[in-house]
Amino acid sequence: MSKLFDPSWHALQEKANAGSEREKLRVRVNQLETALRVLVDKLDVVHNSDDYMQVWGIAQVHVGPYNGPTYIEELERAKQVLEGGAQ
């Protein structure tokens, strides 16, 4: 019987294709998790830097307090996700 008409062969092919797609997704998730972890870590470093804090102090003296958008809630959510505490 030709592979073209063999249902078990097609089932194996579909399973292999699904496995390949899962592997691609697994790799992509790992890449995204790594990128998010690096970004979160860098934001923490910058946010806690004395140089960064001085910039805001100087800006506040010259321009006034900052009333624009912030990223604190989003950063905390990202940290929770990375720690496995939020889905």
PDB file of N, CA and C in Angstrom:
ATOM      1  N   MET A   1       0.844  -1.171   0.000  1.00  0.00           N
ATOM      2  CA  MET A   1       0.000   0.000   0.000  1.00  0.00           C
ATOM      3  C   MET A   1       0.899   1.246   0.000  1.00  0.00           C
ATOM      4  N   SER A   2       0.519   2.203  -0.766  1.00  0.00           N
ATOM      5  CA  SER A   2       1.263   3.456  -0.863  1.00  0.00           C
ATOM      6  C   SER A   2       1.104   4.263   0.432  1.00  0.00           C
ATOM      7  N   LYS A   3       2.158   5.011   0.798  1.00  0.00           N
ATOM      8  CA  LYS A   3       2.085   5.873   1.968  1.00  0.00           C
ATOM      9  C   LYS A   3       0.961   6.895   1.822  1.00  0.00           C
ATOM     10  N   LEU A   4       0.690   7.276   0.596  1.00  0.00           N
ATOM     11  CA  LEU A   4      -0.345   8.253   0.321  1.00  0.00           C
ATOM     12  C   LEU A   4      -1.691   7.811   0.868  1.00  0.00           C
ATOM     13  N   PHE A   5      -1.955   6.519   0.872  1.00  0.00           N
ATOM     14  CA  PHE A   5      -3.252   6.006   1.304  1.00  0.00           C
ATOM     15  C   PHE A   5      -3.195   5.312   2.660  1.00  0.00           C
ATOM     16  N   ASP A   6      -2.080   5.336   3.322  1.00  0.00           N
ATOM     17  CA  ASP A   6      -1.923   4.649   4.601  1.00  0.00           C
ATOM     18  C   ASP A   6      -2.263   5.620   5.739  1.00  0.00           C
ATOM     19  N   PRO A   7      -3.415   5.428   6.413  1.00  0.00           N
ATOM     20  CA  PRO A   7      -3.827   6.350   7.474  1.00  0.00           C
ATOM     21  C   PRO A   7      -2.833   6.398   8.637  1.00  0.00           C
ATOM     22  N   SER A   8      -2.195   5.283   8.949  1.00  0.00           N
ATOM     23  CA  SER A   8      -1.253   5.289  10.067  1.00  0.00           C
ATOM     24  C   SER A   8      -0.033   6.151   9.737  1.00  0.00           C
ATOM     25  N   TRP A   9       0.390   6.135   8.482  1.00  0.00           N
ATOM     26  CA  TRP A   9       1.515   6.977   8.072  1.00  0.00           C
ATOM     27  C   TRP A   9       1.147   8.452   8.218  1.00  0.00           C
ATOM     28  N   HIS A  10      -0.064   8.818   7.805  1.00  0.00           N
ATOM     29  CA  HIS A  10      -0.523  10.212   7.919  1.00  0.00           C
ATOM     30  C   HIS A  10      -0.630  10.620   9.386  1.00  0.00           C
ATOM     31  N   ALA A  11      -1.087   9.705  10.225  1.00  0.00           N
ATOM     32  CA  ALA A  11      -1.185   9.999  11.655  1.00  0.00           C
ATOM     33  C   ALA A  11       0.208  10.259  12.233  1.00  0.00           C
ATOM     34  N   LEU A  12       1.183   9.470  11.830  1.00  0.00           N
ATOM     35  CA  LEU A  12       2.558   9.677  12.297  1.00  0.00           C
ATOM     36  C   LEU A  12       3.107  11.017  11.819  1.00  0.00           C
ATOM     37  N   GLN A  13       2.812  11.349  10.574  1.00  0.00           N
ATOM     38  CA  GLN A  13       3.267  12.631  10.028  1.00  0.00           C
ATOM     39  C   GLN A  13       2.649  13.792  10.793  1.00  0.00           C
ATOM     40  N   GLU A  14       1.351  13.704  11.077  1.00  0.00           N
ATOM     41  CA  GLU A  14       0.673  14.764  11.815  1.00  0.00           C
ATOM     42  C   GLU A  14       1.263  14.895  13.216  1.00  0.00           C
ATOM     43  N   LYS A  15       1.543  13.775  13.852  1.00  0.00           N
ATOM     44  CA  LYS A  15       2.132  13.780  15.176  1.00  0.00           C
ATOM     45  C   LYS A  15       3.530  14.422  15.135  1.00  0.00           C
ATOM     46  N   ALA A  16       4.304  14.069  14.122  1.00  0.00           N
ATOM     47  CA  ALA A  16       5.644  14.652  13.970  1.00  0.00           C
ATOM     48  C   ALA A  16       5.560  16.155  13.747  1.00  0.00           C
ATOM     49  N   ASN A  17       4.603  16.570  12.905  1.00  0.00           N
ATOM     50  CA  ASN A  17       4.426  17.997  12.637  1.00  0.00           C
ATOM     51  C   ASN A  17       3.997  18.744  13.894  1.00  0.00           C
ATOM     52  N   ALA A  18       3.094  18.149  14.662  1.00  0.00           N
ATOM     53  CA  ALA A  18       2.636  18.769  15.905  1.00  0.00           C
ATOM     54  C   ALA A  18       3.803  18.880  16.884  1.00  0.00           C
ATOM     55  N   GLY A  19       4.632  17.842  16.963  1.00  0.00           N
ATOM     56  CA  GLY A  19       5.801  17.880  17.833  1.00  0.00           C
ATOM     57  C   GLY A  19       6.759  18.977  17.432  1.00  0.00           C
ATOM     58  N   SER A  20       6.932  19.133  16.134  1.00  0.00           N
ATOM     59  CA  SER A  20       7.821  20.168  15.619  1.00  0.00           C
ATOM     60  C   SER A  20       7.277  21.558  15.975  1.00  0.00           C
ATOM     61  N   GLU A  21       5.983  21.743  15.845  1.00  0.00           N
ATOM     62  CA  GLU A  21       5.352  23.021  16.187  1.00  0.00           C
ATOM     63  C   GLU A  21       5.478  23.295  17.685  1.00  0.00           C
ATOM     64  N   ARG A  22       5.280  22.265  18.500  1.00  0.00           N
ATOM     65  CA  ARG A  22       5.436  22.424  19.950  1.00  0.00           C
ATOM     66  C   ARG A  22       6.872  22.822  20.291  1.00  0.00           C
ATOM     67  N   GLU A  23       7.817  22.210  19.620  1.00  0.00           N
ATOM     68  CA  GLU A  23       9.225  22.533  19.866  1.00  0.00           C
ATOM     69  C   GLU A  23       9.516  23.984  19.481  1.00  0.00           C
ATOM     70  N   LYS A  24       8.968  24.433  18.354  1.00  0.00           N
ATOM     71  CA  LYS A  24       9.151  25.825  17.936  1.00  0.00           C
ATOM     72  C   LYS A  24       8.558  26.772  18.977  1.00  0.00           C
ATOM     73  N   LEU A  25       7.374  26.422  19.476  1.00  0.00           N
ATOM     74  CA  LEU A  25       6.736  27.253  20.495  1.00  0.00           C
ATOM     75  C   LEU A  25       7.547  27.250  21.789  1.00  0.00           C
ATOM     76  N   ARG A  26       8.072  26.092  22.177  1.00  0.00           N
ATOM     77  CA  ARG A  26       8.875  25.995  23.386  1.00  0.00           C
ATOM     78  C   ARG A  26      10.114  26.890  23.278  1.00  0.00           C
ATOM     79  N   VAL A  27      10.760  26.833  22.127  1.00  0.00           N
ATOM     80  CA  VAL A  27      11.946  27.661  21.901  1.00  0.00           C
ATOM     81  C   VAL A  27      11.568  29.140  21.960  1.00  0.00           C
ATOM     82  N   ARG A  28      10.463  29.491  21.330  1.00  0.00           N
ATOM     83  CA  ARG A  28      10.016  30.896  21.302  1.00  0.00           C
ATOM     84  C   ARG A  28       9.677  31.389  22.706  1.00  0.00           C
ATOM     85  N   VAL A  29       8.990  30.560  23.482  1.00  0.00           N
ATOM     86  CA  VAL A  29       8.659  30.925  24.860  1.00  0.00           C
ATOM     87  C   VAL A  29       9.936  31.141  25.667  1.00  0.00           C
ATOM     88  N   ASN A  30      10.916  30.273  25.499  1.00  0.00           N
ATOM     89  CA  ASN A  30      12.195  30.434  26.205  1.00  0.00           C
ATOM     90  C   ASN A  30      12.891  31.726  25.805  1.00  0.00           C
ATOM     91  N   GLN A  31      12.848  32.055  24.513  1.00  0.00           N
ATOM     92  CA  GLN A  31      13.461  33.296  24.039  1.00  0.00           C
ATOM     93  C   GLN A  31      12.762  34.512  24.650  1.00  0.00           C
ATOM     94  N   LEU A  32      11.431  34.471  24.657  1.00  0.00           N
ATOM     95  CA  LEU A  32      10.666  35.587  25.210  1.00  0.00           C
ATOM     96  C   LEU A  32      10.884  35.724  26.714  1.00  0.00           C
ATOM     97  N   GLU A  33      10.927  34.598  27.405  1.00  0.00           N
ATOM     98  CA  GLU A  33      11.165  34.635  28.850  1.00  0.00           C
ATOM     99  C   GLU A  33      12.548  35.215  29.150  1.00  0.00           C
ATOM    100  N   THR A  34      13.536  34.817  28.393  1.00  0.00           N
ATOM    101  CA  THR A  34      14.886  35.340  28.586  1.00  0.00           C
ATOM    102  C   THR A  34      14.924  36.839  28.315  1.00  0.00           C
ATOM    103  N   ALA A  35      14.304  37.267  27.227  1.00  0.00           N
ATOM    104  CA  ALA A  35      14.288  38.690  26.878  1.00  0.00           C
ATOM    105  C   ALA A  35      13.565  39.501  27.955  1.00  0.00           C
ATOM    106  N   LEU A  36      12.445  38.979  28.455  1.00  0.00           N
ATOM    107  CA  LEU A  36      11.701  39.687  29.497  1.00  0.00           C
ATOM    108  C   LEU A  36      12.513  39.760  30.783  1.00  0.00           C
ATOM    109  N   ARG A  37      13.165  38.665  31.131  1.00  0.00           N
ATOM    110  CA  ARG A  37      13.982  38.648  32.350  1.00  0.00           C
ATOM    111  C   ARG A  37      15.124  39.674  32.253  1.00  0.00           C
ATOM    112  N   VAL A  38      15.787  39.752  31.108  1.00  0.00           N
ATOM    113  CA  VAL A  38      16.883  40.714  30.906  1.00  0.00           C
ATOM    114  C   VAL A  38      16.341  42.139  30.992  1.00  0.00           C
ATOM    115  N   LEU A  39      15.191  42.395  30.378  1.00  0.00           N
ATOM    116  CA  LEU A  39      14.589  43.729  30.411  1.00  0.00           C
ATOM    117  C   LEU A  39      14.201  44.123  31.837  1.00  0.00           C
ATOM    118  N   VAL A  40      13.561  43.218  32.556  1.00  0.00           N
ATOM    119  CA  VAL A  40      13.159  43.495  33.943  1.00  0.00           C
ATOM    120  C   VAL A  40      14.388  43.775  34.801  1.00  0.00           C
ATOM    121  N   ASP A  41      15.410  42.951  34.666  1.00  0.00           N
ATOM    122  CA  ASP A  41      16.631  43.158  35.442  1.00  0.00           C
ATOM    123  C   ASP A  41      17.266  44.515  35.127  1.00  0.00           C
ATOM    124  N   LYS A  42      17.304  44.878  33.855  1.00  0.00           N
ATOM    125  CA  LYS A  42      17.906  46.157  33.457  1.00  0.00           C
ATOM    126  C   LYS A  42      17.075  47.333  33.972  1.00  0.00           C
ATOM    127  N   LEU A  43      15.759  47.218  33.909  1.00  0.00           N
ATOM    128  CA  LEU A  43      14.909  48.289  34.439  1.00  0.00           C
ATOM    129  C   LEU A  43      15.131  48.470  35.933  1.00  0.00           C
ATOM    130  N   ASP A  44      15.288  47.377  36.662  1.00  0.00           N
ATOM    131  CA  ASP A  44      15.575  47.472  38.093  1.00  0.00           C
ATOM    132  C   ASP A  44      16.899  48.182  38.343  1.00  0.00           C
ATOM    133  N   VAL A  45      17.922  47.837  37.563  1.00  0.00           N
ATOM    134  CA  VAL A  45      19.228  48.477  37.723  1.00  0.00           C
ATOM    135  C   VAL A  45      19.120  49.974  37.447  1.00  0.00           C
ATOM    136  N   VAL A  46      18.491  50.328  36.343  1.00  0.00           N
ATOM    137  CA  VAL A  46      18.369  51.738  35.971  1.00  0.00           C
ATOM    138  C   VAL A  46      17.518  52.479  37.003  1.00  0.00           C
ATOM    139  N   HIS A  47      16.394  51.900  37.367  1.00  0.00           N
ATOM    140  CA  HIS A  47      15.465  52.542  38.296  1.00  0.00           C
ATOM    141  C   HIS A  47      16.133  52.824  39.648  1.00  0.00           C
ATOM    142  N   ASN A  48      17.038  51.963  40.075  1.00  0.00           N
ATOM    143  CA  ASN A  48      17.699  52.113  41.369  1.00  0.00           C
ATOM    144  C   ASN A  48      19.051  52.824  41.283  1.00  0.00           C
ATOM    145  N   SER A  49      19.424  53.269  40.089  1.00  0.00           N
ATOM    146  CA  SER A  49      20.707  53.944  39.882  1.00  0.00           C
ATOM    147  C   SER A  49      20.670  55.374  40.441  1.00  0.00           C
ATOM    148  N   ASP A  50      21.732  55.750  41.150  1.00  0.00           N
ATOM    149  CA  ASP A  50      21.826  57.124  41.660  1.00  0.00           C
ATOM    150  C   ASP A  50      21.829  58.140  40.518  1.00  0.00           C
ATOM    151  N   ASP A  51      22.519  57.813  39.436  1.00  0.00           N
ATOM    152  CA  ASP A  51      22.557  58.724  38.276  1.00  0.00           C
ATOM    153  C   ASP A  51      21.154  58.954  37.721  1.00  0.00           C
ATOM    154  N   TYR A  52      20.386  57.908  37.618  1.00  0.00           N
ATOM    155  CA  TYR A  52      19.008  58.014  37.102  1.00  0.00           C
ATOM    156  C   TYR A  52      18.169  58.864  38.041  1.00  0.00           C
ATOM    157  N   MET A  53      18.296  58.647  39.342  1.00  0.00           N
ATOM    158  CA  MET A  53      17.517  59.414  40.312  1.00  0.00           C
ATOM    159  C   MET A  53      17.884  60.886  40.269  1.00  0.00           C
ATOM    160  N   GLN A  54      19.162  61.201  40.029  1.00  0.00           N
ATOM    161  CA  GLN A  54      19.592  62.595  39.943  1.00  0.00           C
ATOM    162  C   GLN A  54      18.971  63.296  38.741  1.00  0.00           C
ATOM    163  N   VAL A  55      18.813  62.579  37.647  1.00  0.00           N
ATOM    164  CA  VAL A  55      18.175  63.160  36.460  1.00  0.00           C
ATOM    165  C   VAL A  55      16.757  63.599  36.795  1.00  0.00           C
ATOM    166  N   TRP A  56      16.031  62.762  37.504  1.00  0.00           N
ATOM    167  CA  TRP A  56      14.653  63.109  37.867  1.00  0.00           C
ATOM    168  C   TRP A  56      14.627  64.284  38.840  1.00  0.00           C
ATOM    169  N   GLY A  57      15.593  64.323  39.759  1.00  0.00           N
ATOM    170  CA  GLY A  57      15.649  65.456  40.690  1.00  0.00           C
ATOM    171  C   GLY A  57      15.877  66.764  39.962  1.00  0.00           C
ATOM    172  N   ILE A  58      16.817  66.758  39.033  1.00  0.00           N
ATOM    173  CA  ILE A  58      17.113  67.963  38.251  1.00  0.00           C
ATOM    174  C   ILE A  58      15.914  68.350  37.388  1.00  0.00           C
ATOM    175  N   ALA A  59      15.300  67.386  36.769  1.00  0.00           N
ATOM    176  CA  ALA A  59      14.130  67.663  35.934  1.00  0.00           C
ATOM    177  C   ALA A  59      12.997  68.258  36.769  1.00  0.00           C
ATOM    178  N   GLN A  60      12.825  67.743  37.971  1.00  0.00           N
ATOM    179  CA  GLN A  60      11.753  68.247  38.816  1.00  0.00           C
ATOM    180  C   GLN A  60      11.995  69.710  39.196  1.00  0.00           C
ATOM    181  N   VAL A  61      13.247  70.062  39.447  1.00  0.00           N
ATOM    182  CA  VAL A  61      13.592  71.451  39.783  1.00  0.00           C
ATOM    183  C   VAL A  61      13.321  72.366  38.595  1.00  0.00           C
ATOM    184  N   HIS A  62      13.697  71.923  37.389  1.00  0.00           N
ATOM    185  CA  HIS A  62      13.581  72.781  36.202  1.00  0.00           C
ATOM    186  C   HIS A  62      12.200  72.771  35.567  1.00  0.00           C
ATOM    187  N   VAL A  63      11.530  71.645  35.606  1.00  0.00           N
ATOM    188  CA  VAL A  63      10.264  71.512  34.875  1.00  0.00           C
ATOM    189  C   VAL A  63       9.077  71.315  35.816  1.00  0.00           C
ATOM    190  N   GLY A  64       9.318  70.720  36.942  1.00  0.00           N
ATOM    191  CA  GLY A  64       8.232  70.405  37.868  1.00  0.00           C
ATOM    192  C   GLY A  64       8.061  68.898  37.943  1.00  0.00           C
ATOM    193  N   PRO A  65       7.149  68.455  38.770  1.00  0.00           N
ATOM    194  CA  PRO A  65       6.973  67.009  38.962  1.00  0.00           C
ATOM    195  C   PRO A  65       6.472  66.314  37.690  1.00  0.00           C
ATOM    196  N   TYR A  66       6.892  65.073  37.558  1.00  0.00           N
ATOM    197  CA  TYR A  66       6.471  64.253  36.419  1.00  0.00           C
ATOM    198  C   TYR A  66       5.074  63.717  36.691  1.00  0.00           C
ATOM    199  N   ASN A  67       4.177  63.938  35.746  1.00  0.00           N
ATOM    200  CA  ASN A  67       2.796  63.463  35.880  1.00  0.00           C
ATOM    201  C   ASN A  67       2.398  62.533  34.745  1.00  0.00           C
ATOM    202  N   GLY A  68       3.379  62.081  33.991  1.00  0.00           N
ATOM    203  CA  GLY A  68       3.089  61.231  32.835  1.00  0.00           C
ATOM    204  C   GLY A  68       2.906  59.772  33.221  1.00  0.00           C
ATOM    205  N   PRO A  69       2.798  58.921  32.224  1.00  0.00           N
ATOM    206  CA  PRO A  69       2.574  57.493  32.477  1.00  0.00           C
ATOM    207  C   PRO A  69       3.793  56.846  33.134  1.00  0.00           C
ATOM    208  N   THR A  70       3.549  55.781  33.859  1.00  0.00           N
ATOM    209  CA  THR A  70       4.624  55.025  34.477  1.00  0.00           C
ATOM    210  C   THR A  70       4.496  53.560  34.080  1.00  0.00           C
ATOM    211  N   TYR A  71       5.513  52.789  34.417  1.00  0.00           N
ATOM    212  CA  TYR A  71       5.544  51.373  34.046  1.00  0.00           C
ATOM    213  C   TYR A  71       5.568  50.457  35.269  1.00  0.00           C
ATOM    214  N   ILE A  72       5.384  51.002  36.446  1.00  0.00           N
ATOM    215  CA  ILE A  72       5.552  50.231  37.677  1.00  0.00           C
ATOM    216  C   ILE A  72       4.614  49.026  37.733  1.00  0.00           C
ATOM    217  N   GLU A  73       3.337  49.220  37.442  1.00  0.00           N
ATOM    218  CA  GLU A  73       2.384  48.094  37.484  1.00  0.00           C
ATOM    219  C   GLU A  73       2.763  47.014  36.484  1.00  0.00           C
ATOM    220  N   GLU A  74       3.142  47.410  35.282  1.00  0.00           N
ATOM    221  CA  GLU A  74       3.517  46.451  34.252  1.00  0.00           C
ATOM    222  C   GLU A  74       4.801  45.708  34.631  1.00  0.00           C
ATOM    223  N   LEU A  75       5.734  46.418  35.237  1.00  0.00           N
ATOM    224  CA  LEU A  75       6.977  45.799  35.673  1.00  0.00           C
ATOM    225  C   LEU A  75       6.708  44.772  36.772  1.00  0.00           C
ATOM    226  N   GLU A  76       5.868  45.115  37.710  1.00  0.00           N
ATOM    227  CA  GLU A  76       5.529  44.173  38.781  1.00  0.00           C
ATOM    228  C   GLU A  76       4.806  42.946  38.222  1.00  0.00           C
ATOM    229  N   ARG A  77       3.943  43.153  37.251  1.00  0.00           N
ATOM    230  CA  ARG A  77       3.236  42.024  36.605  1.00  0.00           C
ATOM    231  C   ARG A  77       4.246  41.123  35.896  1.00  0.00           C
ATOM    232  N   ALA A  78       5.182  41.713  35.193  1.00  0.00           N
ATOM    233  CA  ALA A  78       6.206  40.922  34.498  1.00  0.00           C
ATOM    234  C   ALA A  78       7.026  40.108  35.495  1.00  0.00           C
ATOM    235  N   LYS A  79       7.364  40.713  36.635  1.00  0.00           N
ATOM    236  CA  LYS A  79       8.113  39.991  37.664  1.00  0.00           C
ATOM    237  C   LYS A  79       7.304  38.805  38.190  1.00  0.00           C
ATOM    238  N   GLN A  80       6.003  39.022  38.406  1.00  0.00           N
ATOM    239  CA  GLN A  80       5.137  37.938  38.882  1.00  0.00           C
ATOM    240  C   GLN A  80       5.098  36.789  37.876  1.00  0.00           C
ATOM    241  N   VAL A  81       4.975  37.123  36.620  1.00  0.00           N
ATOM    242  CA  VAL A  81       4.931  36.105  35.566  1.00  0.00           C
ATOM    243  C   VAL A  81       6.234  35.327  35.543  1.00  0.00           C
ATOM    244  N   LEU A  82       7.353  36.019  35.619  1.00  0.00           N
ATOM    245  CA  LEU A  82       8.654  35.367  35.599  1.00  0.00           C
ATOM    246  C   LEU A  82       8.854  34.459  36.812  1.00  0.00           C
ATOM    247  N   GLU A  83       8.270  34.841  37.930  1.00  0.00           N
ATOM    248  CA  GLU A  83       8.386  34.030  39.145  1.00  0.00           C
ATOM    249  C   GLU A  83       7.387  32.871  39.144  1.00  0.00           C
ATOM    250  N   GLY A  84       6.510  32.837  38.143  1.00  0.00           N
ATOM    251  CA  GLY A  84       5.515  31.773  38.062  1.00  0.00           C
ATOM    252  C   GLY A  84       4.302  32.014  38.943  1.00  0.00           C
ATOM    253  N   GLY A  85       4.179  33.218  39.514  1.00  0.00           N
ATOM    254  CA  GLY A  85       3.085  33.504  40.415  1.00  0.00           C
ATOM    255  C   GLY A  85       1.827  34.025  39.751  1.00  0.00           C
ATOM    256  N   ALA A  86       1.891  34.384  38.487  1.00  0.00           N
ATOM    257  CA  ALA A  86       0.715  34.900  37.786  1.00  0.00           C
ATOM    258  C   ALA A  86       0.652  34.263  36.409  1.00  0.00           C
ATOM    259  N   GLN A  87      -0.508  34.042  35.965  1.00  0.00           N
ATOM    260  CA  GLN A  87      -0.705  33.432  34.641  1.00  0.00           C
ATOM    261  C   GLN A  87      -1.445  34.361  33.724  1.00  0.00           C
TER     262      GLN A  87
END
